[in-house]
Amino acid sequence: MFEAVEELVGEHADLEKKLADPSIHADQAGARRLNKRYAELGPIVATYRSWKQTGDDIETARELAADDPDFAAEVKELEKQREELTEKLRLLLIPRDPSDDKDVILEIKAGAGGDESALFAGDLLRMYLRYAERVGWKTEIIDSTESELGGYKDVQVAVKARGQIEPGQGVWARLKYEGGVHRVQRVPATESQGRIHTSAAGVLVTPEAEEVDVEINPNDLRIDVYRSSGPGGQSVNTTDSAVRITHIPTGVVASCQNEKSQLQNKQQAMRILRSRLLAMAQEEAEKEAADARRSQVRTVDRSEKIRTYNFPENRISDHRVGFKAYNLDQVLDGDLDAVIQACVDADSAAKLAAAA
């Protein structure tokens, strides 16, 4: 069943030798790639060794049990351990998304529901910021357009991991399931009759691209500058500091107006543009990735919802995987792990079924 693992064990040993050579670290980028692959293979190799050792232990225990029945219980316990290790190894061998360890740019857009939708977009932003804080990620608001009542018409946030990333715990690996339409049911602050309203906000998650990931020809860009708009600020409504960049071959547009200078806004808009172009390139190159990203929001239509936040019942429901819990207040405070893990588990089960 795990014949291919022996090759991975050999690759892991070869990487260990290379990384022990001081000369390999002269090329820092190359050394990082080797370290990344070594870290990916580590859990597979360790689990496989435990799996093999448990198999040997079972044979020994069976031989002993033939002479002493007291060892029969140990055989059962070891067989149970091997079943668990078999399942763990199967999960570890599922093909990984190559972007799993990337940071992301997360965009939230208000949709149907007017001011209430913008307020809900603000709630979602706070939820993701608190979740990032809980797991130790860094966040940076790149650009935003606030609504009059304090919510957000749209907001873009960079989310970055800190330090060494455990396999499956990267920002994209966890947040990629958040893309889609999020629906809220509650009594809006603007509702005087106490009626429950339904509105929606859209979330789009893309891996943040580094310059080496996407090659952009400067001649393919159209850069427009315009006057910033929105609440207060020394440079808002007074200088042409806002920047809109259009990638002419694809028609992809990115803009930013939050920074004080035109140069800073251009740099931020380029970050967003690179990430969107990377997502587009991956969609074209990988059918599986395309299926996943096409499920994300393109228009904020309540009929395309992936998740519902029901305030009267304190309930959160993820309609893709059938997850339901009655701790909405905690989820909105950043306790998202159970919701995300339900999506991770469903994705792993689907991949296992496809492999079978």
Protein backbone atom coordinates (compact mmCIF):
# COMPACT_ATOMS: atom_id res chain seq x y z
CA MET A 1 0.00 0.00 0.00
CA PHE A 2 2.82 2.37 0.88
CA GLU A 3 5.49 1.24 -1.60
CA ALA A 4 6.08 4.81 -2.77
CA VAL A 5 6.98 5.87 0.78
CA GLU A 6 10.34 4.13 0.53
CA GLU A 7 11.27 6.61 -2.20
CA LEU A 8 10.24 9.49 0.06
CA VAL A 9 12.33 8.03 2.89
CA GLY A 10 15.32 7.96 0.53
CA GLU A 11 14.65 11.55 -0.57
CA HIS A 12 14.41 12.63 3.08
CA ALA A 13 17.80 11.01 3.87
CA ASP A 14 19.36 12.64 0.81
CA LEU A 15 18.05 16.07 1.82
CA GLU A 16 19.43 15.58 5.33
CA LYS A 17 22.91 15.01 3.89
CA LYS A 18 22.66 18.05 1.61
CA LEU A 19 21.49 20.33 4.41
CA ALA A 20 24.42 19.19 6.58
CA ASP A 21 26.80 20.56 3.92
CA PRO A 22 27.69 24.20 4.85
CA SER A 23 28.22 25.11 1.19
CA ILE A 24 24.56 24.51 0.38
CA HIS A 25 23.60 27.54 2.49
CA ALA A 26 25.53 29.91 0.23
CA ASP A 27 22.40 29.88 -1.94
CA GLN A 28 19.80 31.01 0.61
CA ALA A 29 16.85 30.61 -1.72
CA GLY A 30 17.95 27.08 -2.63
CA ALA A 31 18.52 26.21 1.02
CA ARG A 32 15.03 27.43 1.89
CA ARG A 33 13.54 25.18 -0.79
CA LEU A 34 15.44 22.18 0.55
CA ASN A 35 14.43 22.97 4.14
CA LYS A 36 10.81 23.31 3.09
CA ARG A 37 10.80 19.92 1.35
CA TYR A 38 12.66 18.32 4.28
CA ALA A 39 10.00 19.65 6.68
CA GLU A 40 7.21 18.34 4.42
CA LEU A 41 8.67 14.83 4.36
CA GLY A 42 9.48 14.70 8.09
CA PRO A 43 6.00 13.71 9.37
CA ILE A 44 5.59 11.12 6.58
CA VAL A 45 8.94 9.48 7.35
CA ALA A 46 8.37 9.47 11.13
CA THR A 47 4.88 7.97 10.77
CA TYR A 48 6.09 5.35 8.29
CA ARG A 49 8.87 4.26 10.63
CA SER A 50 6.38 3.94 13.49
CA TRP A 51 4.04 1.97 11.19
CA LYS A 52 6.81 -0.47 10.24
CA GLN A 53 8.00 -0.84 13.83
CA THR A 54 4.47 -1.54 15.03
CA GLY A 55 4.17 -4.28 12.38
CA ASP A 56 7.34 -5.92 13.71
CA ASP A 57 6.05 -5.58 17.30
CA ILE A 58 2.78 -7.30 16.33
CA GLU A 59 4.64 -10.30 14.92
CA THR A 60 6.74 -10.58 18.08
CA ALA A 61 3.69 -10.28 20.33
CA ARG A 62 1.85 -12.97 18.34
CA GLU A 63 4.76 -15.36 18.77
CA LEU A 64 4.82 -14.70 22.50
CA ALA A 65 1.03 -15.06 22.73
CA ALA A 66 1.28 -18.56 21.29
CA ASP A 67 3.12 -19.58 24.47
CA ASP A 68 1.59 -17.11 26.93
CA PRO A 69 -2.09 -16.03 26.48
CA ASP A 70 -1.39 -12.88 28.52
CA PHE A 71 0.21 -11.38 25.40
CA ALA A 72 -3.06 -11.61 23.44
CA ALA A 73 -4.25 -8.28 24.83
CA GLU A 74 -0.99 -6.64 23.74
CA VAL A 75 -1.51 -7.96 20.20
CA LYS A 76 -4.94 -6.29 20.03
CA GLU A 77 -3.55 -3.00 21.34
CA LEU A 78 -0.71 -3.04 18.80
CA GLU A 79 -3.12 -3.86 15.97
CA LYS A 80 -5.25 -0.90 16.98
CA GLN A 81 -2.17 1.35 16.95
CA ARG A 82 -1.22 0.11 13.49
CA GLU A 83 -4.70 0.83 12.13
CA GLU A 84 -4.43 4.38 13.46
CA LEU A 85 -0.96 4.80 11.95
CA THR A 86 -2.21 3.42 8.63
CA GLU A 87 -4.98 6.02 8.49
CA LYS A 88 -2.59 8.80 9.52
CA LEU A 89 -0.13 7.79 6.82
CA ARG A 90 -2.88 7.67 4.19
CA LEU A 91 -3.83 11.23 5.10
CA LEU A 92 -0.21 12.39 4.99
CA LEU A 93 0.17 10.92 1.51
CA ILE A 94 -2.73 12.91 0.07
CA PRO A 95 -1.29 15.23 -2.61
CA ARG A 96 -0.70 18.64 -1.05
CA ASP A 97 -1.85 21.94 -2.47
CA PRO A 98 1.46 23.59 -3.53
CA SER A 99 0.22 26.90 -2.14
CA ASP A 100 -0.58 25.54 1.34
CA ASP A 101 2.35 27.28 3.02
CA LYS A 102 1.76 30.63 1.31
CA ASP A 103 0.45 33.75 3.00
CA VAL A 104 -2.82 35.16 1.66
CA ILE A 105 -4.64 38.29 0.70
CA LEU A 106 -8.19 38.14 2.01
CA GLU A 107 -10.86 40.42 0.55
CA ILE A 108 -14.27 41.08 2.09
CA LYS A 109 -16.96 42.85 0.08
CA ALA A 110 -20.37 43.99 1.25
CA GLY A 111 -23.19 42.67 -0.90
CA ALA A 112 -26.95 42.43 -0.72
CA GLY A 113 -28.31 44.20 2.33
CA GLY A 114 -26.97 47.76 2.08
CA ASP A 115 -25.68 49.26 5.34
CA GLU A 116 -26.36 46.04 7.24
CA SER A 117 -24.18 44.10 4.79
CA ALA A 118 -21.35 46.60 5.28
CA LEU A 119 -21.66 46.20 9.06
CA PHE A 120 -21.54 42.42 8.64
CA ALA A 121 -18.42 42.78 6.47
CA GLY A 122 -16.90 44.62 9.42
CA ASP A 123 -17.87 41.74 11.72
CA LEU A 124 -16.20 39.25 9.37
CA LEU A 125 -13.06 41.39 9.27
CA ARG A 126 -12.89 41.42 13.06
CA MET A 127 -13.47 37.64 13.14
CA TYR A 128 -10.52 36.99 10.83
CA LEU A 129 -8.27 39.47 12.63
CA ARG A 130 -9.05 37.82 15.98
CA TYR A 131 -8.52 34.33 14.52
CA ALA A 132 -5.13 35.41 13.13
CA GLU A 133 -4.23 36.80 16.54
CA ARG A 134 -5.18 33.49 18.20
CA VAL A 135 -2.96 31.39 15.93
CA GLY A 136 -0.06 33.86 15.90
CA TRP A 137 -0.32 35.27 12.37
CA LYS A 138 0.42 38.86 11.38
CA THR A 139 -2.23 40.96 9.64
CA GLU A 140 -2.05 44.16 7.62
CA ILE A 141 -5.00 46.05 6.17
CA ILE A 142 -3.89 46.92 2.63
CA ASP A 143 -6.89 48.90 1.46
CA SER A 144 -10.43 49.57 2.63
CA THR A 145 -13.54 51.58 1.87
CA GLU A 146 -15.60 52.28 4.96
CA SER A 147 -19.35 52.76 5.03
CA GLU A 148 -21.09 55.66 6.72
CA LEU A 149 -22.30 53.53 9.65
CA GLY A 150 -18.86 52.16 10.47
CA GLY A 151 -18.77 48.94 8.45
CA TYR A 152 -16.86 48.25 5.26
CA LYS A 153 -17.96 48.33 1.65
CA ASP A 154 -14.78 46.41 0.90
CA VAL A 155 -11.52 45.69 2.68
CA GLN A 156 -8.35 43.81 1.72
CA VAL A 157 -6.09 42.25 4.36
CA ALA A 158 -2.69 40.57 4.06
CA VAL A 159 -2.37 37.63 6.47
CA LYS A 160 1.11 36.27 7.12
CA ALA A 161 2.49 33.37 9.16
CA ARG A 162 5.32 33.79 11.65
CA GLY A 163 8.35 31.51 11.89
CA GLN A 164 8.44 27.84 10.86
CA ILE A 165 5.17 26.53 9.43
CA GLU A 166 3.96 23.05 10.34
CA PRO A 167 2.63 21.05 7.36
CA GLY A 168 -1.06 21.79 6.89
CA GLN A 169 -0.95 24.82 9.19
CA GLY A 170 -0.03 27.51 6.66
CA VAL A 171 -2.28 30.53 6.18
CA TRP A 172 -3.58 29.39 2.77
CA ALA A 173 -3.96 25.80 4.03
CA ARG A 174 -6.43 27.04 6.66
CA LEU A 175 -8.10 30.09 5.11
CA LYS A 176 -8.64 28.83 1.55
CA TYR A 177 -12.00 27.36 2.62
CA GLU A 178 -13.30 30.82 3.62
CA GLY A 179 -13.86 31.98 0.05
CA GLY A 180 -17.53 32.34 -0.82
CA VAL A 181 -20.74 34.10 0.17
CA HIS A 182 -21.36 34.48 3.90
CA ARG A 183 -24.98 35.12 4.89
CA VAL A 184 -26.13 36.77 8.12
CA GLN A 185 -29.59 36.63 9.73
CA ARG A 186 -30.20 39.13 12.52
CA VAL A 187 -32.10 42.24 13.58
CA PRO A 188 -30.10 45.15 12.12
CA ALA A 189 -29.19 48.14 14.29
CA THR A 190 -31.19 50.24 11.81
CA GLU A 191 -34.37 48.13 12.21
CA SER A 192 -36.93 49.80 14.48
CA GLN A 193 -39.58 47.04 14.28
CA GLY A 194 -37.35 44.22 15.54
CA ARG A 195 -37.61 42.23 12.31
CA ILE A 196 -34.91 39.75 11.31
CA HIS A 197 -33.17 40.67 8.07
CA THR A 198 -30.96 38.60 5.80
CA SER A 199 -27.93 40.10 4.08
CA ALA A 200 -24.64 38.85 2.70
CA ALA A 201 -20.98 39.64 2.28
CA GLY A 202 -18.47 38.00 -0.03
CA VAL A 203 -15.02 36.71 0.91
CA LEU A 204 -12.27 36.04 -1.63
CA VAL A 205 -8.99 34.42 -0.56
CA THR A 206 -5.91 34.27 -2.82
CA PRO A 207 -2.36 33.13 -2.05
CA GLU A 208 -0.05 36.13 -1.84
CA ALA A 209 2.38 35.98 -4.73
CA GLU A 210 6.04 36.85 -4.45
CA GLU A 211 7.71 38.63 -7.34
CA VAL A 212 9.32 35.35 -8.42
CA ASP A 213 5.89 33.68 -8.63
CA VAL A 214 4.46 35.98 -11.27
CA GLU A 215 6.37 37.74 -14.05
CA ILE A 216 4.73 41.02 -14.98
CA ASN A 217 5.85 43.04 -17.98
CA PRO A 218 5.67 46.76 -17.04
CA ASN A 219 4.52 47.47 -20.59
CA ASP A 220 1.39 45.40 -19.88
CA LEU A 221 0.27 47.74 -17.11
CA ARG A 222 -1.92 50.81 -17.26
CA ILE A 223 -1.53 52.92 -14.12
CA ASP A 224 -4.13 55.57 -13.30
CA VAL A 225 -3.95 57.98 -10.39
CA TYR A 226 -6.95 59.69 -8.89
CA ARG A 227 -8.09 61.56 -5.82
CA SER A 228 -8.71 59.43 -2.72
CA SER A 229 -12.19 59.39 -1.27
CA GLY A 230 -13.58 58.42 2.10
CA PRO A 231 -13.41 59.52 5.73
CA GLY A 232 -10.82 62.11 6.94
CA GLY A 233 -7.08 62.05 6.55
CA GLN A 234 -4.62 64.71 5.50
CA SER A 235 -4.19 63.45 1.93
CA VAL A 236 -7.77 62.28 1.34
CA ASN A 237 -9.72 64.41 -1.18
CA THR A 238 -6.72 66.77 -1.60
CA THR A 239 -4.10 64.94 -3.68
CA ASP A 240 -4.04 62.45 -6.54
CA SER A 241 -2.49 59.73 -4.36
CA ALA A 242 -4.88 56.82 -5.07
CA VAL A 243 -3.64 54.31 -7.65
CA ARG A 244 -5.46 51.92 -9.97
CA ILE A 245 -3.42 49.36 -11.92
CA THR A 246 -4.88 47.45 -14.87
CA HIS A 247 -3.13 44.39 -16.30
CA ILE A 248 -4.05 44.91 -19.93
CA PRO A 249 -3.67 41.30 -21.24
CA THR A 250 -6.01 39.86 -18.61
CA GLY A 251 -8.11 42.88 -17.63
CA VAL A 252 -7.34 42.26 -13.93
CA VAL A 253 -7.59 45.47 -11.89
CA ALA A 254 -6.18 46.32 -8.45
CA SER A 255 -6.42 49.63 -6.64
CA CYS A 256 -5.34 51.19 -3.36
CA GLN A 257 -6.00 54.54 -1.72
CA ASN A 258 -5.26 53.96 1.97
CA GLU A 259 -1.62 55.05 2.04
CA LYS A 260 -0.52 58.69 2.17
CA SER A 261 1.71 58.63 -0.89
CA GLN A 262 1.13 57.61 -4.48
CA LEU A 263 4.23 55.36 -4.35
CA GLN A 264 2.99 53.46 -1.29
CA ASN A 265 -0.43 52.96 -2.87
CA LYS A 266 1.22 51.70 -6.06
CA GLN A 267 3.28 49.15 -4.10
CA GLN A 268 0.19 47.86 -2.28
CA ALA A 269 -1.84 47.68 -5.47
CA MET A 270 0.95 45.65 -7.09
CA ARG A 271 0.80 43.15 -4.19
CA ILE A 272 -2.90 42.65 -4.81
CA LEU A 273 -2.41 42.43 -8.59
CA ARG A 274 0.36 39.81 -8.29
CA SER A 275 -1.81 37.64 -6.04
CA ARG A 276 -4.79 37.87 -8.39
CA LEU A 277 -2.64 36.99 -11.41
CA LEU A 278 -1.11 34.06 -9.51
CA ALA A 279 -4.58 32.74 -8.68
CA MET A 280 -5.57 33.12 -12.33
CA ALA A 281 -2.45 31.27 -13.52
CA GLN A 282 -3.08 28.45 -11.06
CA GLU A 283 -6.68 28.17 -12.19
CA GLU A 284 -5.52 27.69 -15.75
CA ALA A 285 -2.76 25.21 -14.82
CA GLU A 286 -4.54 23.09 -12.23
CA LYS A 287 -8.07 21.81 -12.71
CA GLU A 288 -8.44 20.91 -9.06
CA ALA A 289 -7.37 24.39 -8.02
CA ALA A 290 -9.74 25.85 -10.58
CA ASP A 291 -12.67 23.91 -9.12
CA ALA A 292 -11.83 25.14 -5.63
CA ARG A 293 -11.47 28.77 -6.63
CA ARG A 294 -14.51 28.82 -8.87
CA SER A 295 -16.50 27.93 -5.75
CA GLN A 296 -15.41 31.24 -4.25
CA VAL A 297 -17.50 34.33 -4.61
CA ARG A 298 -17.66 36.13 -7.95
CA THR A 299 -20.91 37.94 -7.25
CA VAL A 300 -22.33 38.41 -3.78
CA ASP A 301 -25.52 36.45 -4.34
CA ARG A 302 -27.27 35.09 -1.25
CA SER A 303 -28.34 31.99 -3.17
CA GLU A 304 -24.68 30.98 -3.50
CA LYS A 305 -24.03 31.04 0.25
CA ILE A 306 -21.43 28.77 1.82
CA ARG A 307 -22.16 29.70 5.42
CA THR A 308 -24.94 31.23 7.52
CA TYR A 309 -24.52 33.24 10.72
CA ASN A 310 -27.84 33.18 12.59
CA PHE A 311 -27.79 35.61 15.52
CA PRO A 312 -31.19 34.82 17.11
CA GLU A 313 -30.19 31.14 17.49
CA ASN A 314 -26.46 31.88 18.09
CA ARG A 315 -25.92 29.35 15.28
CA ILE A 316 -23.30 29.00 12.59
CA SER A 317 -23.83 26.60 9.68
CA ASP A 318 -21.43 25.66 6.90
CA HIS A 319 -23.61 24.37 4.08
CA ARG A 320 -20.79 22.68 2.13
CA VAL A 321 -19.90 20.13 4.82
CA GLY A 322 -23.02 20.08 7.01
CA PHE A 323 -21.22 21.66 9.98
CA LYS A 324 -23.47 23.27 12.58
CA ALA A 325 -22.70 24.73 16.02
CA TYR A 326 -24.39 27.03 18.50
CA ASN A 327 -21.43 29.19 19.52
CA LEU A 328 -21.70 31.97 16.97
CA ASP A 329 -20.59 34.59 19.51
CA GLN A 330 -17.33 32.69 20.08
CA VAL A 331 -16.76 32.12 16.35
CA LEU A 332 -17.16 35.84 15.63
CA ASP A 333 -14.59 36.42 18.39
CA GLY A 334 -12.08 34.38 16.38
CA ASP A 335 -12.76 30.81 17.54
CA LEU A 336 -12.83 29.48 13.97
CA ASP A 337 -10.79 26.29 14.32
CA ALA A 338 -13.71 23.83 14.51
CA VAL A 339 -15.40 25.37 11.45
CA ILE A 340 -12.21 25.32 9.39
CA GLN A 341 -11.26 21.81 10.54
CA ALA A 342 -14.63 20.50 9.36
CA CYS A 343 -13.78 21.81 5.88
CA VAL A 344 -10.24 20.38 6.02
CA ASP A 345 -11.57 16.95 7.04
CA ALA A 346 -14.20 16.95 4.29
CA ASP A 347 -11.57 17.95 1.71
CA SER A 348 -9.21 15.18 2.89
CA ALA A 349 -12.03 12.61 2.75
CA ALA A 350 -12.90 13.66 -0.80
CA LYS A 351 -9.27 13.36 -1.90
CA LEU A 352 -8.94 9.94 -0.28
CA ALA A 353 -12.09 8.78 -2.06
CA ALA A 354 -10.77 10.10 -5.36
CA ALA A 355 -7.44 8.33 -4.84
CA ALA A 356 -9.24 5.07 -4.06
